[in-house]
Every structure is written in structure tokens, then in C-alpha cells.
Protein backbone atom coordinates (compact mmCIF):
# COMPACT_ATOMS: atom_id res chain seq x y z
CA UNK A 1 -0.14 -38.73 19.74
CA UNK A 2 2.32 -41.47 18.66
CA UNK A 3 1.42 -44.99 17.84
CA UNK A 4 2.20 -47.47 15.15
CA UNK A 5 -0.02 -48.65 12.18
CA UNK A 6 0.07 -52.13 13.84
CA UNK A 7 -1.13 -50.66 17.17
CA UNK A 8 -4.02 -48.88 15.44
CA UNK A 9 -4.87 -52.15 13.53
CA UNK A 10 -4.90 -54.10 16.79
CA UNK A 11 -7.02 -51.40 18.46
CA UNK A 12 -9.66 -51.57 15.57
CA UNK A 13 -9.78 -55.30 15.92
CA UNK A 14 -10.23 -55.04 19.64
CA UNK A 15 -13.02 -52.34 19.38
CA UNK A 16 -14.87 -54.15 16.47
CA UNK A 17 -14.61 -57.98 17.42
CA UNK A 18 -17.19 -58.74 14.80
CA UNK A 19 -14.43 -58.37 12.20
CA UNK A 20 -12.57 -61.29 13.62
CA UNK A 21 -15.80 -63.23 14.23
CA UNK A 22 -16.83 -62.95 10.58
CA UNK A 23 -13.24 -63.57 9.18
CA UNK A 24 -12.75 -60.05 7.90
CA UNK A 25 -9.16 -58.98 7.70
CA UNK A 26 -7.98 -55.50 8.24
CA UNK A 27 -4.98 -53.79 6.87
CA UNK A 28 -3.90 -50.21 7.26
CA UNK A 29 -1.46 -47.69 5.70
CA UNK A 30 -1.00 -44.09 6.42
CA UNK A 31 -1.48 -41.51 3.56
CA UNK A 32 0.50 -38.33 4.36
CA UNK A 33 -1.16 -36.71 1.33
CA UNK A 34 -4.68 -37.22 2.89
CA UNK A 35 -3.45 -37.07 6.48
CA UNK A 36 -5.59 -40.23 7.00
CA UNK A 37 -5.24 -43.90 7.24
CA UNK A 38 -6.34 -45.99 4.30
CA UNK A 39 -8.22 -49.08 5.80
CA UNK A 40 -8.63 -52.14 3.64
CA UNK A 41 -11.16 -54.83 4.65
CA UNK A 42 -10.76 -58.13 2.90
CA UNK A 43 -12.56 -61.57 2.90
CA UNK A 44 -12.77 -64.45 0.44
CA UNK A 45 -10.87 -62.61 -2.31
CA UNK A 46 -12.95 -59.48 -2.07
CA UNK A 47 -11.63 -56.22 -0.65
CA UNK A 48 -13.10 -52.82 0.23
CA UNK A 49 -11.38 -49.58 1.38
CA UNK A 50 -12.24 -46.60 3.23
CA UNK A 51 -10.31 -43.93 5.11
CA UNK A 52 -9.92 -43.09 8.75
CA UNK A 53 -8.93 -39.32 9.49
CA UNK A 54 -5.96 -38.80 11.80
CA UNK A 55 -8.20 -37.26 14.44
CA UNK A 56 -10.53 -40.25 14.36
CA UNK A 57 -7.66 -42.61 14.60
CA UNK A 58 -6.36 -40.77 17.58
CA UNK A 59 -9.83 -41.02 19.22
CA UNK A 60 -9.78 -44.74 18.49
CA UNK A 61 -6.42 -45.17 20.29
CA UNK A 62 -8.00 -43.35 23.15
CA UNK A 63 -10.83 -45.96 23.21
CA UNK A 64 -13.41 -43.74 21.54
CA UNK A 65 -15.37 -45.59 18.94
CA UNK A 66 -15.29 -43.91 15.56
CA UNK A 67 -19.02 -43.62 14.39
CA UNK A 68 -18.03 -43.26 10.84
CA UNK A 69 -15.71 -46.35 10.82
CA UNK A 70 -18.41 -48.36 12.76
CA UNK A 71 -20.90 -47.50 9.97
CA UNK A 72 -18.40 -48.46 7.30
CA UNK A 73 -17.79 -51.81 9.00
CA UNK A 74 -21.40 -52.46 9.11
CA UNK A 75 -21.75 -51.64 5.53
CA UNK A 76 -18.84 -53.80 4.54
CA UNK A 77 -20.13 -56.79 6.57
CA UNK A 78 -23.45 -56.49 4.67
CA UNK A 79 -21.71 -56.31 1.28
CA UNK A 80 -19.54 -59.34 2.08
CA UNK A 81 -22.63 -61.31 3.22
CA UNK A 82 -24.54 -60.27 0.03
CA UNK A 83 -21.69 -61.36 -2.20
CA UNK A 84 -21.48 -64.61 -0.48
CA UNK A 85 -25.25 -65.41 -0.95
CA UNK A 86 -25.08 -64.03 -4.60
């Protein structure tokens, strides 16, 4: 499946609108070494990273929510909130 990093980023933002609502920025880059996308979430000078396997990225582009990425987003939201309170 062919798509750009920007298209995948847009799709993630579309599938997980809470990122925009909570002011969390997303950036991606593809690692051919890992055959995965490195996903960076940032907010307020803090950043967290995870990876998204190529197969999961393909599913995402086919409108199938990635459970692993969704769990990571939830964890990152919690971490950002705890940092803000701390």
C-alpha cells in the first residue's frame, strides 16, 4: 500500500481527535531498519515516542483503528496530564 508519512499522520489525527482536542502534536518518520514508523507525541516541551509497525500503519490507512496505538495515546495523554499537574 502506498501512502505518504503526511497522509498517515493526517489519518492518525482523524482517527484520534482527542490528540487535537488536548493540544498534542504528532510527527512521524519511517525507519526502514525497524520497518515501522516512529511516532512522536509532543506537548508543552515534553515528548514521548512509540512505534507503529508497517502492518498497523496499513490498517490505519484502511480505517482500522490500531489497538496498540490507541493504548499508547491513552497512556501518553495520562502522562502529559500528570506532568502538567505535577
